[in-house]
N, C-alpha and C. Protein backbone atom coordinates (compact mmCIF):
# COMPACT_ATOMS: atom_id res chain seq x y z
N MET A 1 -1.02 49.59 -2.04
CA MET A 1 -0.23 49.11 -0.73
C MET A 1 0.43 47.66 -1.08
N SER A 2 1.54 47.63 -0.62
CA SER A 2 2.39 46.27 -0.78
C SER A 2 1.85 45.24 0.25
N ARG A 3 1.68 43.93 -0.09
CA ARG A 3 1.26 42.94 0.92
C ARG A 3 2.39 42.57 1.79
N ALA A 4 2.01 42.38 3.10
CA ALA A 4 3.06 41.91 4.14
C ALA A 4 3.79 40.63 3.57
N THR A 5 5.01 40.53 3.90
CA THR A 5 5.83 39.38 3.53
C THR A 5 5.33 38.16 4.36
N PRO A 6 5.04 37.08 3.65
CA PRO A 6 4.50 35.90 4.41
C PRO A 6 5.48 35.32 5.23
N THR A 7 4.94 34.66 6.40
CA THR A 7 5.70 34.11 7.47
C THR A 7 6.37 32.82 6.73
N ARG A 8 7.75 32.69 6.76
CA ARG A 8 8.46 31.62 6.22
C ARG A 8 8.68 30.45 7.10
N ILE A 9 8.30 29.33 6.63
CA ILE A 9 8.05 28.13 7.56
C ILE A 9 8.91 27.03 7.18
N LEU A 10 9.56 26.43 8.25
CA LEU A 10 10.18 25.06 8.03
C LEU A 10 9.40 24.02 8.63
N LEU A 11 9.10 22.97 7.75
CA LEU A 11 8.23 21.94 8.09
C LEU A 11 8.99 20.64 8.31
N ALA A 12 8.98 20.06 9.48
CA ALA A 12 9.74 18.77 9.64
C ALA A 12 8.82 17.60 10.28
N ASP A 13 8.85 16.59 9.48
CA ASP A 13 8.14 15.40 9.93
C ASP A 13 8.72 14.21 9.11
N ASP A 14 8.77 13.05 9.78
CA ASP A 14 9.56 11.98 9.10
C ASP A 14 8.58 11.27 8.02
N HIS A 15 7.43 11.61 7.92
CA HIS A 15 6.49 10.89 6.98
C HIS A 15 6.17 12.01 5.73
N ALA A 16 6.72 11.64 4.59
CA ALA A 16 6.49 12.45 3.62
C ALA A 16 4.99 12.77 3.33
N LEU A 17 4.04 11.86 3.47
CA LEU A 17 2.80 12.04 3.25
C LEU A 17 2.12 13.16 4.17
N VAL A 18 2.51 12.95 5.40
CA VAL A 18 1.98 14.02 6.38
C VAL A 18 2.60 15.42 6.00
N ARG A 19 3.89 15.46 5.55
CA ARG A 19 4.49 16.76 5.20
C ARG A 19 3.69 17.42 4.07
N ARG A 20 3.24 16.50 3.07
CA ARG A 20 2.59 17.01 1.86
C ARG A 20 1.27 17.50 2.24
N GLY A 21 0.36 16.85 3.20
CA GLY A 21 -0.79 17.29 3.65
C GLY A 21 -0.79 18.61 4.37
N VAL A 22 0.18 18.64 5.30
CA VAL A 22 0.47 19.79 6.08
C VAL A 22 0.82 21.03 5.23
N ARG A 23 1.61 20.83 4.20
CA ARG A 23 2.07 21.85 3.38
C ARG A 23 0.94 22.49 2.59
N LEU A 24 0.04 21.37 2.08
CA LEU A 24 -1.13 22.01 1.37
C LEU A 24 -2.04 22.92 2.21
N ILE A 25 -2.17 22.58 3.48
CA ILE A 25 -2.82 23.40 4.36
C ILE A 25 -2.16 24.81 4.60
N LEU A 26 -0.85 24.79 4.78
CA LEU A 26 -0.14 26.07 4.96
C LEU A 26 0.01 26.99 3.61
N ASP A 27 0.26 26.30 2.55
CA ASP A 27 0.66 27.00 1.41
C ASP A 27 -0.72 27.58 0.75
N ASN A 28 -1.95 27.09 1.22
CA ASN A 28 -3.20 27.68 0.80
C ASN A 28 -3.49 29.11 1.42
N GLU A 29 -2.77 29.37 2.30
CA GLU A 29 -2.88 30.81 3.11
C GLU A 29 -1.89 31.81 2.51
N PRO A 30 -2.42 32.98 2.14
CA PRO A 30 -1.51 33.99 1.59
C PRO A 30 -0.43 34.49 2.49
N ASP A 31 -0.73 34.34 3.82
CA ASP A 31 0.27 34.95 4.73
C ASP A 31 1.40 33.90 5.22
N LEU A 32 1.15 32.65 4.79
CA LEU A 32 2.16 31.53 5.27
C LEU A 32 2.74 30.97 3.95
N THR A 33 3.98 30.58 4.12
CA THR A 33 4.64 29.88 3.03
C THR A 33 5.82 28.97 3.55
N VAL A 34 5.78 27.74 3.08
CA VAL A 34 6.86 26.73 3.42
C VAL A 34 7.90 26.97 2.54
N VAL A 35 9.16 27.14 3.21
CA VAL A 35 10.26 27.42 2.43
C VAL A 35 11.40 26.27 2.59
N ALA A 36 11.11 25.36 3.52
CA ALA A 36 12.08 24.26 3.58
C ALA A 36 11.33 23.12 4.34
N GLU A 37 11.69 21.79 4.14
CA GLU A 37 11.22 20.61 4.63
C GLU A 37 12.41 19.75 5.18
N ALA A 38 12.09 19.03 6.23
CA ALA A 38 12.98 17.99 6.77
C ALA A 38 12.22 16.72 7.23
N GLY A 39 13.19 15.73 7.25
CA GLY A 39 12.59 14.38 7.55
C GLY A 39 12.98 13.84 8.81
N ASP A 40 13.88 14.65 9.54
CA ASP A 40 14.25 14.22 11.02
C ASP A 40 14.74 15.50 11.63
N GLY A 41 15.00 15.43 12.94
CA GLY A 41 15.40 16.66 13.74
C GLY A 41 16.68 17.17 13.33
N ALA A 42 17.70 16.35 12.96
CA ALA A 42 19.05 16.88 12.69
C ALA A 42 18.92 17.60 11.36
N GLU A 43 18.22 17.09 10.43
CA GLU A 43 18.12 17.70 9.08
C GLU A 43 17.20 19.02 9.26
N ALA A 44 16.24 19.07 10.21
CA ALA A 44 15.62 20.35 10.67
C ALA A 44 16.44 21.51 11.09
N ILE A 45 17.39 21.11 11.86
CA ILE A 45 18.35 22.20 12.40
C ILE A 45 19.39 22.57 11.23
N ALA A 46 19.74 21.68 10.30
CA ALA A 46 20.59 22.08 9.07
C ALA A 46 19.73 23.01 8.18
N GLN A 47 18.42 22.67 7.88
CA GLN A 47 17.65 23.40 7.14
C GLN A 47 17.24 24.87 7.66
N ALA A 48 17.19 24.82 9.00
CA ALA A 48 16.93 26.15 9.65
C ALA A 48 18.17 27.11 9.51
N ARG A 49 19.37 26.56 9.57
CA ARG A 49 20.56 27.18 9.46
C ARG A 49 20.70 27.68 8.01
N ALA A 50 20.23 26.96 7.01
CA ALA A 50 20.35 27.36 5.65
C ALA A 50 19.30 28.42 5.14
N HIS A 51 18.09 28.32 5.74
CA HIS A 51 17.01 29.09 5.17
C HIS A 51 16.59 30.01 6.10
N HIS A 52 16.87 30.16 7.33
CA HIS A 52 16.41 31.12 8.36
C HIS A 52 15.05 31.43 8.37
N PRO A 53 14.23 30.37 8.63
CA PRO A 53 12.68 30.56 8.56
C PRO A 53 12.35 31.50 9.80
N ASP A 54 11.02 31.94 9.69
CA ASP A 54 10.40 32.69 10.85
C ASP A 54 9.80 31.72 11.89
N LEU A 55 9.36 30.47 11.38
CA LEU A 55 8.62 29.57 12.13
C LEU A 55 9.10 28.23 11.85
N ALA A 56 9.26 27.34 12.92
CA ALA A 56 9.61 25.95 12.61
C ALA A 56 8.45 25.17 13.18
N ILE A 57 7.86 24.24 12.39
CA ILE A 57 6.83 23.32 12.79
C ILE A 57 7.50 21.92 12.88
N LEU A 58 7.51 21.34 14.07
CA LEU A 58 8.23 20.07 14.27
C LEU A 58 7.42 19.02 14.73
N ASP A 59 7.59 17.85 14.09
CA ASP A 59 6.96 16.62 14.62
C ASP A 59 7.83 16.30 15.98
N ILE A 60 7.11 15.58 16.93
CA ILE A 60 7.93 15.17 18.09
C ILE A 60 8.57 13.97 17.82
N ALA A 61 8.06 12.94 17.24
CA ALA A 61 8.62 11.62 17.19
C ALA A 61 9.27 11.64 15.64
N MET A 62 10.80 11.85 15.69
CA MET A 62 11.48 11.73 14.44
C MET A 62 12.76 11.06 14.68
N PRO A 63 13.35 10.45 13.55
CA PRO A 63 14.76 9.65 13.83
C PRO A 63 15.72 10.68 13.99
N ARG A 64 16.82 10.14 14.42
CA ARG A 64 18.13 10.94 14.69
C ARG A 64 18.07 11.79 15.92
N LEU A 65 17.32 12.95 15.63
CA LEU A 65 16.85 13.72 16.74
C LEU A 65 15.36 14.01 16.74
N THR A 66 14.86 13.90 17.92
CA THR A 66 13.30 14.24 18.16
C THR A 66 13.04 15.67 17.76
N GLY A 67 11.73 15.98 17.68
CA GLY A 67 11.42 17.43 17.48
C GLY A 67 11.69 18.18 18.76
N LEU A 68 11.63 17.47 19.98
CA LEU A 68 11.84 18.30 21.07
C LEU A 68 13.47 18.50 21.33
N GLN A 69 14.18 17.53 20.92
CA GLN A 69 15.71 17.81 20.85
C GLN A 69 16.00 18.89 19.85
N ALA A 70 15.52 18.88 18.78
CA ALA A 70 15.77 19.87 17.71
C ALA A 70 15.21 21.27 18.26
N ALA A 71 14.07 21.43 18.92
CA ALA A 71 13.62 22.58 19.36
C ALA A 71 14.48 23.22 20.35
N ARG A 72 15.15 22.27 21.22
CA ARG A 72 16.08 22.88 22.20
C ARG A 72 17.25 23.57 21.57
N GLU A 73 17.80 22.81 20.44
CA GLU A 73 19.00 23.22 19.83
C GLU A 73 18.65 24.56 18.87
N LEU A 74 17.50 24.43 18.35
CA LEU A 74 17.09 25.72 17.64
C LEU A 74 16.78 26.91 18.31
N SER A 75 16.28 26.74 19.69
CA SER A 75 16.12 27.76 20.62
C SER A 75 17.39 28.34 21.10
N ARG A 76 18.37 27.58 21.01
CA ARG A 76 19.72 28.01 21.55
C ARG A 76 20.42 28.77 20.49
N VAL A 77 20.46 28.19 19.17
CA VAL A 77 21.20 28.96 18.05
C VAL A 77 20.52 29.97 17.21
N GLN A 78 19.08 29.89 17.39
CA GLN A 78 18.37 30.85 16.71
C GLN A 78 17.25 31.31 17.51
N PRO A 79 17.57 32.17 18.61
CA PRO A 79 16.53 32.43 19.58
C PRO A 79 15.31 33.26 19.05
N GLY A 80 15.45 33.88 17.82
CA GLY A 80 14.26 34.56 17.18
C GLY A 80 13.35 33.82 16.51
N LEU A 81 13.78 32.40 16.39
CA LEU A 81 12.80 31.50 15.65
C LEU A 81 11.61 31.16 16.60
N ARG A 82 10.37 31.09 15.90
CA ARG A 82 9.37 30.73 16.83
C ARG A 82 9.06 29.17 16.34
N ILE A 83 8.58 28.47 17.38
CA ILE A 83 8.50 27.10 17.23
C ILE A 83 7.12 26.40 17.63
N LEU A 84 6.59 25.63 16.71
CA LEU A 84 5.42 24.95 17.04
C LEU A 84 5.62 23.32 17.08
N MET A 85 5.13 22.61 17.93
CA MET A 85 5.18 21.25 17.79
C MET A 85 3.85 20.65 17.27
N LEU A 86 3.96 19.69 16.29
CA LEU A 86 3.01 19.06 15.77
C LEU A 86 2.97 17.62 15.96
N THR A 87 2.10 16.97 16.68
CA THR A 87 2.19 15.71 17.19
C THR A 87 0.95 14.90 17.12
N MET A 88 0.94 13.61 17.13
CA MET A 88 -0.14 12.79 17.42
C MET A 88 -0.32 12.46 18.87
N TYR A 89 0.62 12.81 19.68
CA TYR A 89 0.49 12.54 21.15
C TYR A 89 -0.20 13.51 22.06
N ASP A 90 -1.44 13.27 22.47
CA ASP A 90 -2.07 14.07 23.48
C ASP A 90 -1.55 13.64 24.88
N ASN A 91 -0.35 14.13 25.19
CA ASN A 91 0.41 13.70 26.32
C ASN A 91 0.94 14.82 27.06
N GLU A 92 0.60 14.89 28.42
CA GLU A 92 0.95 16.02 29.20
C GLU A 92 2.50 16.09 29.31
N GLN A 93 3.25 14.99 29.43
CA GLN A 93 4.64 15.10 29.62
C GLN A 93 5.26 15.82 28.26
N PHE A 94 4.77 15.41 27.18
CA PHE A 94 5.35 16.02 26.02
C PHE A 94 5.01 17.34 25.92
N PHE A 95 3.89 17.61 26.35
CA PHE A 95 3.44 19.15 26.35
C PHE A 95 4.29 19.94 27.12
N PHE A 96 4.51 19.44 28.32
CA PHE A 96 5.38 20.34 29.14
C PHE A 96 6.98 20.48 28.75
N GLU A 97 7.36 19.31 28.08
CA GLU A 97 8.70 19.31 27.67
C GLU A 97 8.88 20.23 26.39
N ALA A 98 7.69 20.22 25.67
CA ALA A 98 7.67 21.14 24.44
C ALA A 98 7.87 22.69 24.93
N LEU A 99 7.12 23.01 25.89
CA LEU A 99 7.20 24.32 26.46
C LEU A 99 8.58 24.61 27.03
N SER A 100 9.10 23.70 27.71
CA SER A 100 10.35 23.90 28.19
C SER A 100 11.54 23.98 27.10
N ALA A 101 11.24 23.33 26.00
CA ALA A 101 12.30 23.20 24.98
C ALA A 101 12.18 24.65 24.08
N GLY A 102 11.06 25.45 24.44
CA GLY A 102 11.14 26.70 23.69
C GLY A 102 9.93 26.89 22.61
N ALA A 103 9.09 25.75 22.60
CA ALA A 103 8.02 25.89 21.68
C ALA A 103 6.89 26.73 22.22
N SER A 104 6.24 27.53 21.26
CA SER A 104 5.15 28.37 21.65
C SER A 104 3.60 27.88 21.61
N GLY A 105 3.69 26.56 21.05
CA GLY A 105 2.42 26.00 20.89
C GLY A 105 2.57 24.48 20.63
N TYR A 106 1.41 23.82 20.65
CA TYR A 106 1.29 22.27 20.56
C TYR A 106 0.08 21.97 19.85
N VAL A 107 0.27 21.45 18.73
CA VAL A 107 -0.96 21.09 17.86
C VAL A 107 -1.02 19.64 17.58
N LEU A 108 -2.28 19.10 17.79
CA LEU A 108 -2.49 17.76 17.56
C LEU A 108 -2.78 17.44 15.90
N LYS A 109 -2.16 16.45 15.37
CA LYS A 109 -2.33 16.12 13.92
C LYS A 109 -3.67 15.79 13.73
N SER A 110 -4.39 15.21 14.66
CA SER A 110 -5.86 14.80 14.38
C SER A 110 -6.68 16.00 14.14
N VAL A 111 -6.22 17.28 14.50
CA VAL A 111 -7.17 18.48 14.21
C VAL A 111 -6.25 19.55 13.56
N ALA A 112 -5.23 19.12 12.87
CA ALA A 112 -4.35 20.12 12.37
C ALA A 112 -4.99 20.94 11.27
N ASP A 113 -6.01 20.38 10.58
CA ASP A 113 -6.75 21.13 9.47
C ASP A 113 -7.66 22.22 10.14
N ARG A 114 -7.96 22.00 11.50
CA ARG A 114 -8.84 22.97 12.13
C ARG A 114 -7.80 24.15 12.93
N ASP A 115 -6.70 23.62 13.47
CA ASP A 115 -6.05 24.37 14.56
C ASP A 115 -4.71 25.08 13.96
N LEU A 116 -4.17 24.34 12.82
CA LEU A 116 -2.77 24.65 12.67
C LEU A 116 -2.63 26.13 12.14
N ILE A 117 -3.42 26.57 11.26
CA ILE A 117 -3.31 27.96 10.81
C ILE A 117 -3.32 29.01 11.87
N GLU A 118 -4.44 28.92 12.68
CA GLU A 118 -4.52 29.79 13.94
C GLU A 118 -3.30 29.79 14.69
N ALA A 119 -2.80 28.55 14.90
CA ALA A 119 -1.60 28.19 15.81
C ALA A 119 -0.45 29.06 15.27
N CYS A 120 -0.10 28.92 13.99
CA CYS A 120 0.91 29.67 13.17
C CYS A 120 0.73 31.09 13.42
N ARG A 121 -0.47 31.71 13.25
CA ARG A 121 -0.74 33.09 13.38
C ARG A 121 -0.50 33.64 14.83
N ALA A 122 -0.99 32.78 15.72
CA ALA A 122 -0.87 33.22 17.21
C ALA A 122 0.56 33.23 17.53
N THR A 123 1.31 32.22 17.11
CA THR A 123 2.60 32.02 17.38
C THR A 123 3.46 33.36 17.01
N MET A 124 3.24 33.74 15.65
CA MET A 124 3.84 34.81 15.01
C MET A 124 3.59 36.24 15.71
N ARG A 125 2.27 36.18 16.33
CA ARG A 125 1.82 37.37 17.16
C ARG A 125 2.57 37.35 18.48
N GLY A 126 3.36 36.34 18.69
CA GLY A 126 3.87 36.27 20.14
C GLY A 126 2.99 35.76 21.26
N GLU A 127 1.91 35.01 20.69
CA GLU A 127 0.98 34.40 21.79
C GLU A 127 1.12 32.93 21.73
N PRO A 128 0.91 32.32 22.88
CA PRO A 128 0.95 30.84 22.88
C PRO A 128 -0.28 30.28 22.34
N PHE A 129 -0.17 29.06 21.83
CA PHE A 129 -1.16 28.32 21.36
C PHE A 129 -1.32 27.10 21.96
N LEU A 130 -2.59 26.78 22.66
CA LEU A 130 -2.82 25.59 23.43
C LEU A 130 -4.11 24.97 23.11
N TYR A 131 -4.05 23.66 22.84
CA TYR A 131 -5.23 22.94 22.59
C TYR A 131 -5.87 22.62 23.94
N PRO A 132 -7.20 22.42 23.84
CA PRO A 132 -7.98 22.34 25.11
C PRO A 132 -7.41 21.44 26.16
N GLY A 133 -7.00 20.31 25.90
CA GLY A 133 -6.44 19.34 26.76
C GLY A 133 -5.17 19.79 27.35
N ALA A 134 -4.37 20.68 26.64
CA ALA A 134 -3.09 21.29 27.28
C ALA A 134 -3.62 22.26 28.29
N VAL A 135 -4.52 23.08 27.96
CA VAL A 135 -5.13 24.07 28.95
C VAL A 135 -5.42 23.32 30.27
N ASN A 136 -6.14 22.27 30.16
CA ASN A 136 -6.61 21.44 31.41
C ASN A 136 -5.38 21.04 32.03
N ALA A 137 -4.18 20.49 31.30
CA ALA A 137 -3.04 20.00 32.05
C ALA A 137 -2.31 21.20 32.71
N LEU A 138 -2.36 22.40 32.08
CA LEU A 138 -1.80 23.37 32.87
C LEU A 138 -2.47 23.84 34.16
N ILE A 139 -3.85 23.84 34.17
CA ILE A 139 -4.59 24.13 35.27
C ILE A 139 -4.34 23.18 36.32
N ARG A 140 -4.32 21.85 35.96
CA ARG A 140 -4.16 20.76 36.96
C ARG A 140 -2.93 21.00 37.71
N THR A 141 -1.74 21.22 36.72
CA THR A 141 -0.46 21.26 37.39
C THR A 141 -0.42 22.60 38.31
N TYR A 142 -0.90 23.58 37.86
CA TYR A 142 -0.96 24.87 38.72
C TYR A 142 -1.63 24.65 40.01
N LEU A 143 -2.80 23.91 40.06
CA LEU A 143 -3.44 23.62 41.19
C LEU A 143 -2.74 22.54 42.14
N ASP A 144 -2.06 21.72 41.54
CA ASP A 144 -1.15 20.65 42.31
C ASP A 144 -0.13 21.54 42.90
N ARG A 145 0.55 22.46 42.30
CA ARG A 145 1.71 23.14 42.87
C ARG A 145 1.27 24.01 43.96
N THR A 146 -0.01 24.65 43.69
CA THR A 146 -0.53 25.57 44.77
C THR A 146 -0.94 24.74 46.02
N HIS A 147 -1.65 23.80 45.85
CA HIS A 147 -2.15 23.11 46.94
C HIS A 147 -1.21 22.09 47.74
N GLN A 148 -0.26 21.47 46.97
CA GLN A 148 0.52 20.58 47.60
C GLN A 148 2.12 20.98 47.64
N GLY A 149 2.33 22.05 46.91
CA GLY A 149 3.81 22.46 46.83
C GLY A 149 4.53 21.60 45.81
N GLY A 150 3.73 20.91 44.96
CA GLY A 150 4.50 19.96 43.94
C GLY A 150 5.19 20.71 42.82
N ALA A 151 5.87 20.00 41.92
CA ALA A 151 6.38 20.64 40.88
C ALA A 151 6.43 19.54 39.64
N VAL A 152 6.64 20.09 38.55
CA VAL A 152 6.83 19.11 37.46
C VAL A 152 8.14 18.35 37.57
N PRO A 153 8.06 17.02 37.65
CA PRO A 153 9.28 16.17 37.89
C PRO A 153 10.30 16.61 36.95
N ALA A 154 11.60 16.56 37.57
CA ALA A 154 12.80 16.83 36.77
C ALA A 154 13.05 15.65 36.01
N LYS A 155 13.68 15.82 34.78
CA LYS A 155 13.96 14.58 33.90
C LYS A 155 15.15 13.80 34.55
N ALA A 156 15.14 12.54 34.41
CA ALA A 156 15.93 11.58 34.94
C ALA A 156 17.38 11.63 34.29
N ILE A 157 17.51 12.09 33.08
CA ILE A 157 18.61 12.24 32.24
C ILE A 157 18.88 13.54 31.67
N THR A 158 20.07 13.93 31.37
CA THR A 158 20.42 15.19 30.63
C THR A 158 19.87 15.22 29.18
N ASP A 159 19.83 16.37 28.70
CA ASP A 159 19.47 16.58 27.20
C ASP A 159 20.53 15.72 26.26
N ARG A 160 21.92 15.82 26.66
CA ARG A 160 22.86 15.10 25.87
C ARG A 160 22.74 13.50 26.06
N GLU A 161 22.34 13.01 27.22
CA GLU A 161 22.04 11.74 27.41
C GLU A 161 20.91 11.25 26.71
N GLU A 162 19.95 12.11 26.67
CA GLU A 162 18.62 11.75 25.96
C GLU A 162 18.96 11.53 24.34
N GLU A 163 19.91 12.54 23.84
CA GLU A 163 20.31 12.30 22.47
C GLU A 163 21.05 10.97 22.16
N ILE A 164 21.92 10.67 23.09
CA ILE A 164 22.55 9.47 23.03
C ILE A 164 21.74 8.19 23.08
N LEU A 165 20.77 8.35 24.23
CA LEU A 165 19.75 7.13 24.25
C LEU A 165 19.02 6.99 23.02
N LYS A 166 18.46 7.98 22.33
CA LYS A 166 17.69 7.83 21.18
C LYS A 166 18.41 7.13 20.09
N LEU A 167 19.80 7.57 19.87
CA LEU A 167 20.56 7.08 18.80
C LEU A 167 21.00 5.63 18.95
N VAL A 168 21.30 5.32 20.20
CA VAL A 168 21.49 3.82 20.65
C VAL A 168 20.31 3.03 20.22
N ALA A 169 19.19 3.49 20.79
CA ALA A 169 17.93 2.69 20.58
C ALA A 169 17.57 2.63 19.07
N GLU A 170 17.99 3.48 18.23
CA GLU A 170 17.75 3.38 16.87
C GLU A 170 18.76 2.51 16.18
N GLY A 171 19.76 2.03 17.01
CA GLY A 171 20.65 1.02 16.41
C GLY A 171 22.03 1.49 15.92
N HIS A 172 22.24 2.82 16.09
CA HIS A 172 23.60 3.33 15.70
C HIS A 172 24.62 2.89 16.59
N SER A 173 25.80 2.69 16.03
CA SER A 173 27.06 2.35 16.66
C SER A 173 27.50 3.56 17.39
N SER A 174 28.57 3.29 18.33
CA SER A 174 29.21 4.32 19.13
C SER A 174 29.95 5.41 18.08
N GLN A 175 30.52 4.83 17.00
CA GLN A 175 31.19 5.53 16.04
C GLN A 175 30.37 6.49 15.24
N GLU A 176 29.15 5.90 14.95
CA GLU A 176 28.14 6.65 14.21
C GLU A 176 27.51 7.77 14.97
N ILE A 177 27.29 7.40 16.28
CA ILE A 177 26.77 8.37 17.09
C ILE A 177 27.78 9.52 17.26
N ALA A 178 29.10 9.15 17.36
CA ALA A 178 29.99 10.34 17.52
C ALA A 178 30.06 11.26 16.35
N GLY A 179 29.82 10.69 15.08
CA GLY A 179 29.90 11.44 13.96
C GLY A 179 28.68 12.29 13.88
N ILE A 180 27.42 11.76 14.29
CA ILE A 180 26.20 12.55 14.26
C ILE A 180 26.26 13.70 15.08
N LEU A 181 26.69 13.54 16.38
CA LEU A 181 26.74 14.46 17.38
C LEU A 181 28.05 15.37 17.42
N VAL A 182 28.95 14.99 16.45
CA VAL A 182 30.32 15.73 16.57
C VAL A 182 30.90 15.71 18.01
N ILE A 183 31.14 14.48 18.59
CA ILE A 183 31.76 14.30 19.89
C ILE A 183 32.60 13.14 19.62
N SER A 184 33.39 12.82 20.65
CA SER A 184 34.27 11.69 20.49
C SER A 184 33.66 10.46 20.84
N VAL A 185 34.19 9.15 20.36
CA VAL A 185 33.58 7.96 20.81
C VAL A 185 33.66 7.71 22.15
N LYS A 186 34.86 8.27 22.84
CA LYS A 186 34.95 8.09 24.36
C LYS A 186 33.93 8.77 25.06
N THR A 187 33.50 9.89 24.59
CA THR A 187 32.43 10.62 25.24
C THR A 187 31.10 9.87 24.99
N VAL A 188 30.77 9.40 23.80
CA VAL A 188 29.64 8.62 23.68
C VAL A 188 29.53 7.37 24.66
N GLU A 189 30.69 6.70 24.78
CA GLU A 189 30.71 5.47 25.77
C GLU A 189 30.56 6.01 27.14
N ARG A 190 31.16 7.20 27.51
CA ARG A 190 30.77 7.63 28.90
C ARG A 190 29.36 8.00 29.13
N HIS A 191 28.77 8.58 28.19
CA HIS A 191 27.28 9.01 28.30
C HIS A 191 26.34 7.70 28.46
N ARG A 192 26.85 6.72 27.50
CA ARG A 192 26.12 5.39 27.43
C ARG A 192 26.12 4.73 28.93
N ALA A 193 27.46 4.73 29.45
CA ALA A 193 27.65 4.07 30.65
C ALA A 193 26.80 4.86 31.87
N ASN A 194 26.78 6.13 31.77
CA ASN A 194 25.95 6.91 32.75
C ASN A 194 24.44 6.66 32.57
N LEU A 195 23.93 6.55 31.31
CA LEU A 195 22.64 6.13 31.18
C LEU A 195 22.22 4.75 31.82
N LEU A 196 23.03 3.77 31.61
CA LEU A 196 22.82 2.37 32.12
C LEU A 196 22.78 2.52 33.66
N GLN A 197 23.66 3.31 34.23
CA GLN A 197 23.71 3.39 35.60
C GLN A 197 22.55 4.25 36.20
N LYS A 198 22.18 5.38 35.68
CA LYS A 198 21.10 6.26 36.11
C LYS A 198 19.65 5.55 36.00
N LEU A 199 19.52 4.73 34.93
CA LEU A 199 18.32 4.20 34.69
C LEU A 199 18.22 2.80 35.25
N ASP A 200 19.21 2.31 35.79
CA ASP A 200 19.42 1.01 36.32
C ASP A 200 19.01 -0.04 35.22
N LEU A 201 19.67 -0.01 34.07
CA LEU A 201 19.40 -0.95 32.98
C LEU A 201 20.63 -1.65 32.69
N LYS A 202 20.59 -2.80 31.96
CA LYS A 202 21.54 -3.67 31.83
C LYS A 202 22.38 -3.51 30.31
N ASP A 203 21.64 -3.28 29.34
CA ASP A 203 22.16 -3.43 27.94
C ASP A 203 21.38 -2.61 27.00
N ARG A 204 21.86 -2.67 25.79
CA ARG A 204 21.16 -1.84 24.62
C ARG A 204 19.64 -2.21 24.47
N LEU A 205 19.28 -3.50 24.67
CA LEU A 205 17.92 -3.88 24.60
C LEU A 205 17.03 -3.19 25.52
N GLU A 206 17.40 -3.27 26.77
CA GLU A 206 16.70 -2.50 27.83
C GLU A 206 16.75 -0.96 27.62
N LEU A 207 17.80 -0.42 27.03
CA LEU A 207 17.74 1.00 26.78
C LEU A 207 16.80 1.23 25.57
N THR A 208 16.72 0.47 24.67
CA THR A 208 15.68 0.52 23.59
C THR A 208 14.31 0.50 23.98
N ARG A 209 13.90 -0.45 25.03
CA ARG A 209 12.70 -0.55 25.55
C ARG A 209 12.28 0.68 26.33
N TYR A 210 13.22 1.27 27.06
CA TYR A 210 13.06 2.49 27.93
C TYR A 210 12.74 3.63 26.81
N ALA A 211 13.53 3.70 25.74
CA ALA A 211 13.31 4.76 24.79
C ALA A 211 11.98 4.72 24.16
N ILE A 212 11.41 3.44 23.93
CA ILE A 212 10.06 3.37 23.47
C ILE A 212 9.02 3.82 24.41
N ARG A 213 9.23 3.38 25.68
CA ARG A 213 8.31 3.74 26.65
C ARG A 213 8.22 5.18 27.00
N VAL A 214 9.27 5.96 26.82
CA VAL A 214 9.12 7.37 27.04
C VAL A 214 8.93 8.23 25.79
N GLY A 215 8.71 7.63 24.67
CA GLY A 215 8.41 8.20 23.45
C GLY A 215 9.45 8.75 22.62
N LEU A 216 10.66 8.30 22.94
CA LEU A 216 11.92 8.88 22.09
C LEU A 216 11.76 8.17 20.62
N ILE A 217 11.46 6.88 20.53
CA ILE A 217 11.38 6.21 19.40
C ILE A 217 9.97 5.49 19.38
N GLU A 218 9.46 5.10 18.05
CA GLU A 218 8.20 4.46 17.99
C GLU A 218 8.54 2.85 17.98
N ALA A 219 7.74 2.20 18.60
CA ALA A 219 7.76 0.71 18.52
C ALA A 219 7.66 0.06 17.16
């Protein structure tokens, strides 16, 4: 009997040491193999296009594009790709945004050695993988919506505005942002003006502080 083809994995994290450790965990399993690595969200998208993996494991906090932004784009351009978020953030907002972005699971780095393998296998079986805190968050949200008619708050800004915000906060010029996102400088400036107006902020410094506060970049 021939062995089943291993699940081909794209691993994206901006810390090489983390990637090395996670890769050791994954490559030790006969049914999993890492075929590509990336150090930021934009590179993850490029590697996915080049290697066509079965599963993408994305860190949330990465330069240029976050894991959430990359997940949204990958879900759009490669709808058959399964996605797992790997993060240090035990954060309900990120958890719900990950599900909305197309992720099938959310694994904490602190317990990756315990949970990641099962998360990969569950995802490839078409099953969600939720750590205990995420389950509690889902239950609380369901109860809130049932009892109070509440809903998960809508995002204050659009996905494109979020991309612009992150790149502005990372110090990129309008010309650089236009090149990264393949849009015009005029479009970048329009989105930037909309951000300042929507968020009631005055300048790049306040945009950067906001980006840190909502987890788009690290302080």
